[in-house]
Structure formats: structure tokens, C-alpha cells
Amino acid sequence: MAGRRSLGRRFGWLWGAYAVSTAGTWLAFDAFALIAVLALDAGPMQVSLLAAVGPAVGAAVSVPLAPWVEVRRKRPVMIATDLVRCAVLLSIPVAFALGRLSFGQLLLVSVAVAAADITFNAAAGAFLKGLVPRRDLLVANGRFEATTWTASMVGPPLGGAAIGLFGPVTTVVADAVSYLLSAFGLRAIGGEEKPPVRPASSEVRPRAGDLLDGWRYILADPALRPLFFNTVLVNSLIIAASPPLMVLMVDHLRFAPWQYALAFAVPCTGGLLGSRLAPRLVTRFGRHRVMLTAGVLRACWSLGLAFVGPGTAGLALVMAVEFGLIACCAVFNPVFATYRLDRTPADRVTRTLSAWSATGKATTAAMTALWGLLAHLTGPHTAIALAGVFLLSTPVLLPRRGRTPDAGPEPTPLTLKDAA
């Protein structure tokens, strides 16, 4: 099977580094919000500010880094961002132990982690494209997807138990250690990294205009442009509906916290199923058909959450809807990620992925705040229903056949002297 073949020792170390850092991230899921509430007596407005401002400002901070990262070897950048995340996260338990932890520090750490996340992921995409043969990119992305859903299924319940047993900053320490282990894993990859490629312009040093190059390339490409708007809108609408759904289930319908957690942990098995099926479906039906079909189907589930009621039937409905949504996303995501790497020349990967991720984080922050206000004014049922209705319109942005030519030839690699 394509999903079982070995991609080599170096990919194994990369996958291991990704797995340990992803496990740490999901173990510390919502840790900042919990620390703000449990240790700093923060109110709803401060928690919302922490959830929205940190990622949004972090996205803006990451944008100037993309052109600089583009012309440098990616593995040292990835290791550096892992170490930065480890250091800033460890500042929280240190401040907590000294009785000096503040909401402002949480906000600053949130910004730093968000900026490092975007920079790391953009560099990692470019590194993966140079590490793995093109024919194996889908298998590699499928393994990353399966790892993400496994961590999201297991991490939050374990993190909640750890916080209950050992205190509010426990999972932050674990997350920081996971980044340190990830850095060691990346260091162990060894071997020679392909030299950075020369930008389309004759300049090697980044210019002010290079900050917008990622968006220019996305918006000029007839296939990436609709995918860009589709993925940003779908992801932000799905996440924006989550806080109203939590209020609906826990406050209005009186589900216990463990039932709410169970309603989202069990459906993550759909992520494992979808990520395993993606390479096989592409082999049988073709990449474009699978991406289009999964992209349409993932937009059709969320409206069902507006009909959630009390009791066992309501809990079963949430699980069924979330299972279908997650399974479709898990098929779509690795196919889409592979397609995006194929479409993007090597000299633009970092800037393109950085622009994509920064836009997604900023849009999600804005939509989450907007849907919170909408739920306050109209009630959670209406807010969830509106998100579902808007999601039904997003498939029109998926690219159609005949508009997806392959990316052009790769630019000339930089020499060591050029990159110095």
C-alpha cells in the first residue's frame, strides 16, 4: 500500500519531530485560557482577547520574516523557531513560580508562539518539498494529517487530567519540552539540505516589496486563488462556530464537561480514517476529483449542529456530524497540501505558505470575534446555523478542471556564496 511504504530515515526523523511537537500542542490545548481563568481570575472579555489578539498579531509579525527565510536553509530556521517556542513557553511557569505571571505576559507569549508557528510551518513546507520525492508528497502529508488527528483525540483529555492533578501550568511545561525534543529530532535528520533557490527577481536580499510576494503569487494563480479563499473561509467558519456550540451544549443544554469533551474526541477517529484513505482514493479516482468531492462534502455537515438537542440523541448527533466533517477534512487536507506544494515553485514556497497561514489566522480571529457577538445578539442556535449556511456556499470557490496547469520550472539554486 502507498500509505505503508517507507519514505526513508530522514523523513522518519522529520515525522517524529512533528509528532512530538504536535502531541505537546494538543496536550496544552486551551492552556493559556485555563491559566488566565484559574491563575489570573480573567473574565470572558480577557479570554476572548487572548484567543483573538495573540494569533492575529502573531500573524502580522510573521509576515516580514517570510522573504528572509525564503533565501536561507530551512532546517536551521525550523530548529531556531522550536527553541524560541520552548524558551517563551518556559517563561510562563517560571513567572508563575515567582508569583510574577501577568495577563500581559500571556498575551506576549501567545503572539511569539503564533509568529513562530507560522514561520516554522512555512519553512517546513519548503523543506518537505526538497526532502521527499514528488510522488511521495501525498503519503507524507497523509501521515502528518493522521498524526494531527491522533494528537487532537488523545491530547486534550490527558492535558485536562494533568492540569487537575498538577496545576494550571503543567501542560505548558510539557509543550515547551516537546519543542525542545522536536529541535533535537530535526537536528538528527542530518544530511545535506538542498541549497535555497534564487528568487524570481535578481535580488538575493529581501526588499520591502517582497513582503507581499506570497499574496501576489496566490492571487495571480488561477488554481490557488479560489483554493485560498475556500480554505480560509471554511476553516474560519468551522472554528468560529465552536464557541457558540460550546455555550449551547454546556450552558443551554446542560451537557456535562466530560460529555462535551467526548463529543469531539470520539469523532477524531474520522480523521485517522480519512487520512489513511486519502492516498488510496487519489490512486483510484485521481487527485482533482478527490479534492473537489471532499472539499464539497466537508462544507455540508456543520449545518446539522444547529439542530442539536438535549440528551443522548443530541450528543449522538454532534458526534455523527463531527465525525463526517472531520473525515472529509482529513481526506481533503493532505490532498490539498500536496497540490499546493506542487503548484508553488521552490523559490516561493515559504512566502506563499506564510501568507496563506497568516491570512488564515487573522481571518479566524476576526470571524471568531464576530460570531461571538452574533451569538450574543441572536443566540447560539442562530449563530451556528448561519455558519452552516455560509459554509454551504464555499464549494463554488473550489477550482474546476482545466484551470490547474502544473507550476513552471524551478529557478536556479543559490550557491553558498549567493546565500551568504
Protein backbone atom coordinates (compact mmCIF):
# COMPACT_ATOMS: atom_id res chain seq x y z
CA MET A 1 0.00 0.00 0.00
CA ALA A 2 1.17 3.55 -0.77
CA GLY A 3 0.40 4.66 2.76
CA ARG A 4 2.71 1.98 4.25
CA ARG A 5 5.87 2.38 2.21
CA SER A 6 9.00 3.77 3.80
CA LEU A 7 9.96 7.33 2.96
CA GLY A 8 13.46 6.96 4.39
CA ARG A 9 15.29 7.64 7.63
CA ARG A 10 15.44 11.41 7.19
CA PHE A 11 11.68 11.68 6.73
CA GLY A 12 11.27 9.42 9.76
CA TRP A 13 13.12 11.95 11.93
CA LEU A 14 11.05 14.81 10.47
CA TRP A 15 7.84 12.91 11.14
CA GLY A 16 8.98 12.10 14.67
CA ALA A 17 9.79 15.75 15.36
CA TYR A 18 6.37 16.76 14.03
CA ALA A 19 4.64 14.09 16.12
CA VAL A 20 6.24 15.09 19.42
CA SER A 21 5.60 18.83 18.95
CA THR A 22 2.02 18.20 17.81
CA ALA A 23 1.41 15.99 20.84
CA GLY A 24 2.69 18.79 23.08
CA THR A 25 0.48 21.37 21.36
CA TRP A 26 -2.70 19.33 21.81
CA LEU A 27 -1.78 18.36 25.35
CA ALA A 28 -1.67 22.10 26.08
CA PHE A 29 -4.89 22.83 24.16
CA ASP A 30 -6.57 25.95 25.64
CA ALA A 31 -3.84 26.08 28.31
CA PHE A 32 -3.48 29.87 28.08
CA ALA A 33 -7.22 30.39 28.57
CA LEU A 34 -7.25 27.99 31.53
CA ILE A 35 -4.24 29.72 33.11
CA ALA A 36 -5.91 33.11 32.61
CA VAL A 37 -9.08 31.90 34.33
CA LEU A 38 -7.60 29.70 37.07
CA ALA A 39 -4.45 31.65 37.95
CA LEU A 40 -5.27 35.25 36.99
CA ASP A 41 -9.06 35.39 37.51
CA ALA A 42 -9.54 36.65 33.96
CA GLY A 43 -13.05 37.33 32.73
CA PRO A 44 -14.71 36.38 29.41
CA MET A 45 -13.52 39.55 27.67
CA GLN A 46 -9.88 38.90 28.56
CA VAL A 47 -10.12 35.25 27.49
CA SER A 48 -11.63 36.30 24.15
CA LEU A 49 -8.87 38.92 23.76
CA LEU A 50 -6.24 36.27 24.40
CA ALA A 51 -7.79 33.92 21.83
CA ALA A 52 -8.11 36.57 19.12
CA VAL A 53 -5.30 39.10 19.52
CA GLY A 54 -2.40 36.68 20.07
CA PRO A 55 -2.80 34.75 16.79
CA ALA A 56 -3.75 37.87 14.80
CA VAL A 57 -0.74 39.93 15.93
CA GLY A 58 1.49 36.87 15.61
CA ALA A 59 0.36 36.51 12.00
CA ALA A 60 1.30 40.12 11.30
CA VAL A 61 4.69 39.70 12.98
CA SER A 62 5.48 36.61 10.89
CA VAL A 63 4.96 38.32 7.52
CA PRO A 64 8.30 40.22 7.38
CA LEU A 65 10.16 37.00 8.23
CA ALA A 66 8.99 35.08 5.15
CA PRO A 67 11.25 36.73 2.50
CA TRP A 68 14.23 36.38 4.83
CA VAL A 69 13.51 32.68 5.43
CA GLU A 70 12.98 32.07 1.69
CA VAL A 71 16.65 32.53 0.81
CA ARG A 72 18.03 30.53 3.74
CA ARG A 73 18.30 26.85 4.52
CA LYS A 74 15.08 25.77 6.14
CA ARG A 75 16.17 23.22 8.76
CA PRO A 76 18.17 25.74 10.87
CA VAL A 77 15.15 28.07 10.76
CA MET A 78 12.88 25.26 11.94
CA ILE A 79 15.24 24.39 14.79
CA ALA A 80 15.51 28.05 15.81
CA THR A 81 11.71 28.51 15.91
CA ASP A 82 11.38 25.36 18.02
CA LEU A 83 13.91 26.74 20.50
CA VAL A 84 12.17 30.13 20.56
CA ARG A 85 8.84 28.49 21.33
CA CYS A 86 10.45 26.40 24.07
CA ALA A 87 12.05 29.45 25.68
CA VAL A 88 9.00 31.74 25.64
CA LEU A 89 6.70 28.98 26.91
CA LEU A 90 9.05 28.18 29.79
CA SER A 91 8.86 31.82 30.86
CA ILE A 92 5.27 31.17 31.97
CA PRO A 93 5.93 28.50 34.64
CA VAL A 94 8.98 30.47 35.81
CA ALA A 95 6.89 33.63 36.27
CA PHE A 96 4.10 31.60 37.87
CA ALA A 97 6.51 30.05 40.39
CA LEU A 98 7.85 33.51 41.27
CA GLY A 99 4.35 34.97 41.61
CA ARG A 100 5.01 37.39 38.73
CA LEU A 101 2.78 35.96 36.00
CA SER A 102 0.55 38.56 34.33
CA PHE A 103 -2.07 38.66 31.61
CA GLY A 104 0.24 40.84 29.53
CA GLN A 105 2.92 38.14 29.59
CA LEU A 106 0.39 35.53 28.42
CA LEU A 107 -0.56 37.83 25.57
CA LEU A 108 3.07 38.41 24.53
CA VAL A 109 3.87 34.70 24.67
CA SER A 110 0.77 33.97 22.58
CA VAL A 111 1.98 36.43 19.93
CA ALA A 112 5.51 34.98 19.89
CA VAL A 113 4.26 31.39 19.62
CA ALA A 114 1.83 32.26 16.82
CA ALA A 115 4.56 34.03 14.81
CA ALA A 116 6.96 31.12 15.35
CA ASP A 117 4.25 28.63 14.36
CA ILE A 118 3.66 30.33 11.02
CA THR A 119 7.37 30.71 10.29
CA PHE A 120 8.07 27.07 11.21
CA ASN A 121 5.22 25.70 9.10
CA ALA A 122 6.21 27.77 6.07
CA ALA A 123 9.84 26.63 6.32
CA ALA A 124 8.74 23.03 6.94
CA GLY A 125 6.65 23.00 3.76
CA ALA A 126 9.64 24.12 1.70
CA PHE A 127 11.90 21.62 3.49
CA LEU A 128 9.47 18.75 2.86
CA LYS A 129 9.27 19.59 -0.83
CA GLY A 130 13.05 19.24 -1.09
CA LEU A 131 13.26 16.17 1.14
CA VAL A 132 10.57 13.89 -0.30
CA PRO A 133 10.16 12.94 -3.99
CA ARG A 134 7.11 14.48 -5.60
CA ARG A 135 5.39 11.08 -5.94
CA ASP A 136 5.58 10.62 -2.14
CA LEU A 137 4.34 14.03 -1.02
CA LEU A 138 0.74 12.85 -0.61
CA VAL A 139 1.82 9.89 1.53
CA ALA A 140 3.94 12.22 3.69
CA ASN A 141 1.14 14.76 4.13
CA GLY A 142 -1.28 11.94 4.92
CA ARG A 143 0.98 10.79 7.76
CA PHE A 144 1.17 14.31 9.15
CA GLU A 145 -2.63 14.55 8.96
CA ALA A 146 -3.12 11.24 10.78
CA THR A 147 -0.66 12.37 13.47
CA THR A 148 -2.59 15.61 13.97
CA TRP A 149 -5.92 13.85 14.46
CA THR A 150 -4.41 11.26 16.81
CA ALA A 151 -2.95 14.03 18.95
CA SER A 152 -6.21 16.00 18.91
CA MET A 153 -8.10 12.91 20.07
CA VAL A 154 -5.79 11.98 22.95
CA GLY A 155 -4.09 15.26 23.95
CA PRO A 156 -6.89 17.45 25.41
CA PRO A 157 -8.30 14.81 27.80
CA LEU A 158 -4.80 13.97 29.06
CA GLY A 159 -3.99 17.67 29.36
CA GLY A 160 -7.14 18.33 31.34
CA ALA A 161 -6.31 15.48 33.71
CA ALA A 162 -2.73 16.76 34.11
CA ILE A 163 -3.94 20.25 34.96
CA GLY A 164 -6.35 18.81 37.52
CA LEU A 165 -3.60 16.77 39.17
CA PHE A 166 -0.55 19.04 38.93
CA GLY A 167 -1.74 22.61 38.38
CA PRO A 168 -2.51 25.06 35.55
CA VAL A 169 0.98 25.45 34.05
CA THR A 170 1.75 21.72 33.78
CA THR A 171 0.78 21.33 30.15
CA VAL A 172 2.70 24.48 29.18
CA VAL A 173 5.87 22.87 30.54
CA ALA A 174 5.10 19.70 28.55
CA ASP A 175 4.52 21.75 25.39
CA ALA A 176 7.83 23.58 25.86
CA VAL A 177 9.69 20.28 26.31
CA SER A 178 8.01 18.93 23.16
CA TYR A 179 9.53 21.76 21.11
CA LEU A 180 12.95 21.05 22.58
CA LEU A 181 12.60 17.36 21.60
CA SER A 182 11.42 18.44 18.16
CA ALA A 183 14.56 20.54 17.72
CA PHE A 184 16.70 17.52 18.62
CA GLY A 185 14.77 15.42 16.11
CA LEU A 186 15.29 17.97 13.35
CA ARG A 187 18.99 18.10 14.20
CA ALA A 188 19.17 14.31 13.89
CA ILE A 189 17.87 14.39 10.30
CA GLY A 190 21.42 15.05 9.14
CA GLY A 191 22.45 15.01 5.51
CA GLU A 192 22.78 17.92 3.14
CA GLU A 193 19.82 20.21 2.62
CA LYS A 194 19.21 21.40 -0.92
CA PRO A 195 20.52 24.97 -1.35
CA PRO A 196 17.85 27.71 -1.37
CA VAL A 197 16.67 28.66 -4.83
CA ARG A 198 17.14 32.07 -6.39
CA PRO A 199 14.07 34.33 -6.21
CA ALA A 200 12.45 35.36 -9.47
CA SER A 201 13.93 38.79 -9.07
CA SER A 202 17.67 39.23 -9.46
CA GLU A 203 17.98 40.44 -5.87
CA VAL A 204 19.05 37.97 -3.20
CA ARG A 205 18.48 40.34 -0.28
CA PRO A 206 14.77 40.70 0.61
CA ARG A 207 13.18 44.01 -0.33
CA ALA A 208 10.17 45.78 1.18
CA GLY A 209 8.05 44.73 -1.79
CA ASP A 210 8.85 41.07 -1.12
CA LEU A 211 6.55 41.15 1.92
CA LEU A 212 3.55 40.91 -0.42
CA ASP A 213 5.01 38.38 -2.84
CA GLY A 214 3.20 35.44 -1.23
CA TRP A 215 -0.19 37.06 -1.72
CA ARG A 216 0.74 38.25 -5.22
CA TYR A 217 1.58 34.71 -6.29
CA ILE A 218 -1.56 33.22 -4.72
CA LEU A 219 -3.90 35.80 -6.24
CA ALA A 220 -2.27 35.58 -9.68
CA ASP A 221 -2.58 31.79 -9.87
CA PRO A 222 -5.94 30.67 -11.35
CA ALA A 223 -5.98 27.47 -9.28
CA LEU A 224 -4.50 28.63 -5.96
CA ARG A 225 -6.62 31.78 -5.80
CA PRO A 226 -10.00 30.03 -5.37
CA LEU A 227 -8.45 27.42 -3.07
CA PHE A 228 -7.02 30.20 -0.93
CA PHE A 229 -10.40 31.85 -0.41
CA ASN A 230 -12.10 28.47 0.03
CA THR A 231 -9.77 27.12 2.70
CA VAL A 232 -9.54 30.39 4.63
CA LEU A 233 -13.34 30.76 4.72
CA VAL A 234 -14.10 27.13 5.51
CA ASN A 235 -11.57 26.88 8.33
CA SER A 236 -12.56 30.21 9.88
CA LEU A 237 -16.30 29.43 9.74
CA ILE A 238 -15.83 25.99 11.30
CA ILE A 239 -13.75 27.40 14.15
CA ALA A 240 -15.96 30.48 14.61
CA ALA A 241 -18.96 28.24 15.30
CA SER A 242 -17.13 26.33 18.04
CA PRO A 243 -17.57 28.81 20.95
CA PRO A 244 -21.34 29.19 20.33
CA LEU A 245 -21.61 25.39 20.16
CA MET A 246 -19.80 25.08 23.49
CA VAL A 247 -22.18 27.60 25.07
CA LEU A 248 -25.16 25.79 23.55
CA MET A 249 -24.10 22.36 24.79
CA VAL A 250 -22.70 23.19 28.23
CA ASP A 251 -24.87 26.15 29.24
CA HIS A 252 -28.19 25.83 27.40
CA LEU A 253 -28.49 22.05 27.02
CA ARG A 254 -26.69 21.20 30.30
CA PHE A 255 -24.25 18.66 28.93
CA ALA A 256 -21.51 17.80 31.42
CA PRO A 257 -17.96 18.92 30.53
CA TRP A 258 -16.90 15.28 30.05
CA GLN A 259 -19.77 14.78 27.59
CA TYR A 260 -18.70 17.88 25.67
CA ALA A 261 -15.11 16.61 25.53
CA LEU A 262 -16.29 13.16 24.45
CA ALA A 263 -18.41 14.65 21.68
CA PHE A 264 -15.26 15.99 19.99
CA ALA A 265 -12.69 13.36 20.98
CA VAL A 266 -14.51 10.32 19.56
CA PRO A 267 -15.15 11.83 16.09
CA CYS A 268 -11.40 12.40 15.67
CA THR A 269 -11.28 8.74 14.66
CA GLY A 270 -12.74 10.07 11.41
CA GLY A 271 -9.52 12.00 10.96
CA LEU A 272 -7.49 8.80 11.18
CA LEU A 273 -9.80 7.10 8.69
CA GLY A 274 -9.77 9.98 6.20
CA SER A 275 -6.01 10.49 6.29
CA ARG A 276 -5.46 6.77 5.67
CA LEU A 277 -7.92 6.74 2.78
CA ALA A 278 -6.63 9.86 1.01
CA PRO A 279 -3.67 8.28 -0.89
CA ARG A 280 -5.78 5.27 -1.91
CA LEU A 281 -8.65 7.43 -3.12
CA VAL A 282 -6.27 9.56 -5.20
CA THR A 283 -4.73 6.44 -6.73
CA ARG A 284 -8.18 5.17 -7.72
CA PHE A 285 -10.08 8.33 -8.67
CA GLY A 286 -7.43 10.99 -9.34
CA ARG A 287 -6.31 13.98 -7.28
CA HIS A 288 -8.66 16.58 -8.72
CA ARG A 289 -11.81 14.50 -8.27
CA VAL A 290 -10.93 13.56 -4.68
CA MET A 291 -10.04 17.14 -3.72
CA LEU A 292 -13.23 18.52 -5.27
CA THR A 293 -15.51 15.85 -3.78
CA ALA A 294 -14.01 16.02 -0.29
CA GLY A 295 -13.98 19.83 -0.49
CA VAL A 296 -17.70 19.88 -1.25
CA LEU A 297 -18.62 17.28 1.36
CA ARG A 298 -16.71 18.98 4.18
CA ALA A 299 -18.96 22.04 3.75
CA CYS A 300 -22.21 20.07 4.16
CA TRP A 301 -22.02 18.87 7.75
CA SER A 302 -21.89 21.89 10.06
CA LEU A 303 -25.48 23.00 9.49
CA GLY A 304 -26.59 19.85 11.31
CA LEU A 305 -25.13 21.22 14.55
CA ALA A 306 -27.89 23.85 14.65
CA PHE A 307 -30.39 21.04 15.37
CA VAL A 308 -28.63 19.66 18.44
CA GLY A 309 -30.99 18.93 21.31
CA PRO A 310 -30.62 17.66 24.87
CA GLY A 311 -29.88 14.13 25.99
CA THR A 312 -28.33 11.13 24.32
CA ALA A 313 -29.85 11.91 20.93
CA GLY A 314 -28.27 15.38 20.91
CA LEU A 315 -24.87 14.00 21.91
CA ALA A 316 -25.10 11.33 19.19
CA LEU A 317 -25.99 13.99 16.60
CA VAL A 318 -22.93 16.08 17.49
CA MET A 319 -20.70 13.00 17.26
CA ALA A 320 -22.14 11.97 13.89
CA VAL A 321 -21.83 15.45 12.38
CA GLU A 322 -18.32 15.96 13.71
CA PHE A 323 -17.23 12.51 12.52
CA GLY A 324 -18.41 13.23 8.98
CA LEU A 325 -16.89 16.71 8.97
CA ILE A 326 -13.52 15.54 10.31
CA ALA A 327 -13.34 12.54 7.96
CA CYS A 328 -13.95 14.74 4.91
CA CYS A 329 -11.42 17.33 6.13
CA ALA A 330 -8.86 14.58 6.70
CA VAL A 331 -9.23 13.43 3.10
CA PHE A 332 -9.16 16.97 1.71
CA ASN A 333 -6.27 18.40 3.75
CA PRO A 334 -3.34 16.18 2.66
CA VAL A 335 -4.51 16.21 -0.98
CA PHE A 336 -4.82 19.99 -0.89
CA ALA A 337 -1.47 20.45 0.89
CA THR A 338 0.27 18.27 -1.71
CA TYR A 339 -1.43 20.09 -4.57
CA ARG A 340 -0.40 23.47 -3.14
CA LEU A 341 3.25 22.36 -2.89
CA ASP A 342 3.12 21.05 -6.47
CA ARG A 343 1.68 24.34 -7.71
CA THR A 344 4.24 26.54 -5.96
CA PRO A 345 7.80 26.93 -7.33
CA ALA A 346 10.54 26.25 -4.79
CA ASP A 347 11.60 29.91 -4.62
CA ARG A 348 8.12 30.94 -3.45
CA VAL A 349 7.07 28.15 -1.08
CA THR A 350 7.98 29.89 2.19
CA ARG A 351 6.39 33.21 1.27
CA THR A 352 3.28 31.54 -0.14
CA LEU A 353 2.71 29.30 2.88
CA SER A 354 3.43 32.16 5.27
CA ALA A 355 0.94 34.45 3.53
CA TRP A 356 -1.64 31.67 3.47
CA SER A 357 -1.23 30.84 7.14
CA ALA A 358 -1.12 34.47 8.29
CA THR A 359 -4.34 35.23 6.42
CA GLY A 360 -5.99 32.15 7.87
CA LYS A 361 -5.08 33.02 11.46
CA ALA A 362 -6.13 36.65 11.11
CA THR A 363 -9.42 35.73 9.42
CA THR A 364 -10.18 33.07 12.02
CA ALA A 365 -9.55 35.55 14.83
CA ALA A 366 -11.87 38.12 13.24
CA MET A 367 -14.60 35.57 12.45
CA THR A 368 -14.44 34.10 15.95
CA ALA A 369 -14.95 37.54 17.48
CA LEU A 370 -17.77 38.32 15.02
CA TRP A 371 -19.56 35.04 15.67
CA GLY A 372 -19.23 35.57 19.41
CA LEU A 373 -21.03 38.89 19.02
CA LEU A 374 -23.59 37.28 16.73
CA ALA A 375 -24.28 34.52 19.26
CA HIS A 376 -24.69 37.15 21.98
CA LEU A 377 -27.24 39.07 19.90
CA THR A 378 -29.19 36.21 18.31
CA GLY A 379 -28.44 33.12 20.40
CA PRO A 380 -26.08 30.21 19.74
CA HIS A 381 -28.55 28.24 17.60
CA THR A 382 -28.84 31.07 15.09
CA ALA A 383 -25.10 31.73 15.01
CA ILE A 384 -24.33 28.04 14.39
CA ALA A 385 -26.99 27.86 11.69
CA LEU A 386 -25.64 30.94 9.89
CA ALA A 387 -22.13 29.49 9.91
CA GLY A 388 -23.52 26.30 8.40
CA VAL A 389 -25.40 28.19 5.70
CA PHE A 390 -22.34 30.22 4.73
CA LEU A 391 -20.29 27.02 4.58
CA LEU A 392 -22.72 25.59 2.03
CA SER A 393 -21.70 28.37 -0.39
CA THR A 394 -17.94 27.77 -0.15
CA PRO A 395 -17.66 24.90 -2.70
CA VAL A 396 -18.15 27.41 -5.53
CA LEU A 397 -14.59 28.57 -4.79
CA LEU A 398 -13.03 25.17 -5.42
CA PRO A 399 -11.01 25.08 -8.68
CA ARG A 400 -12.55 23.36 -11.68
CA ARG A 401 -10.73 21.07 -14.08
CA GLY A 402 -8.91 22.80 -16.91
CA ARG A 403 -7.66 25.62 -14.69
CA THR A 404 -4.92 23.72 -12.87
CA PRO A 405 -1.76 23.52 -15.02
CA ASP A 406 1.42 22.42 -13.26
CA ALA A 407 3.79 25.01 -11.87
CA GLY A 408 6.58 26.09 -14.13
CA PRO A 409 10.23 25.01 -13.95
CA GLU A 410 12.14 25.64 -10.75
CA PRO A 411 14.57 28.59 -10.58
CA THR A 412 18.31 28.22 -10.39
CA PRO A 413 19.63 27.15 -6.93
CA LEU A 414 21.61 29.68 -4.97
CA THR A 415 25.27 28.98 -4.48
CA LEU A 416 26.67 29.14 -0.96
CA LYS A 417 28.30 32.44 -1.86
CA ASP A 418 24.97 33.88 -3.04
CA ALA A 419 23.19 32.82 0.14
CA ALA A 420 25.86 34.18 2.46
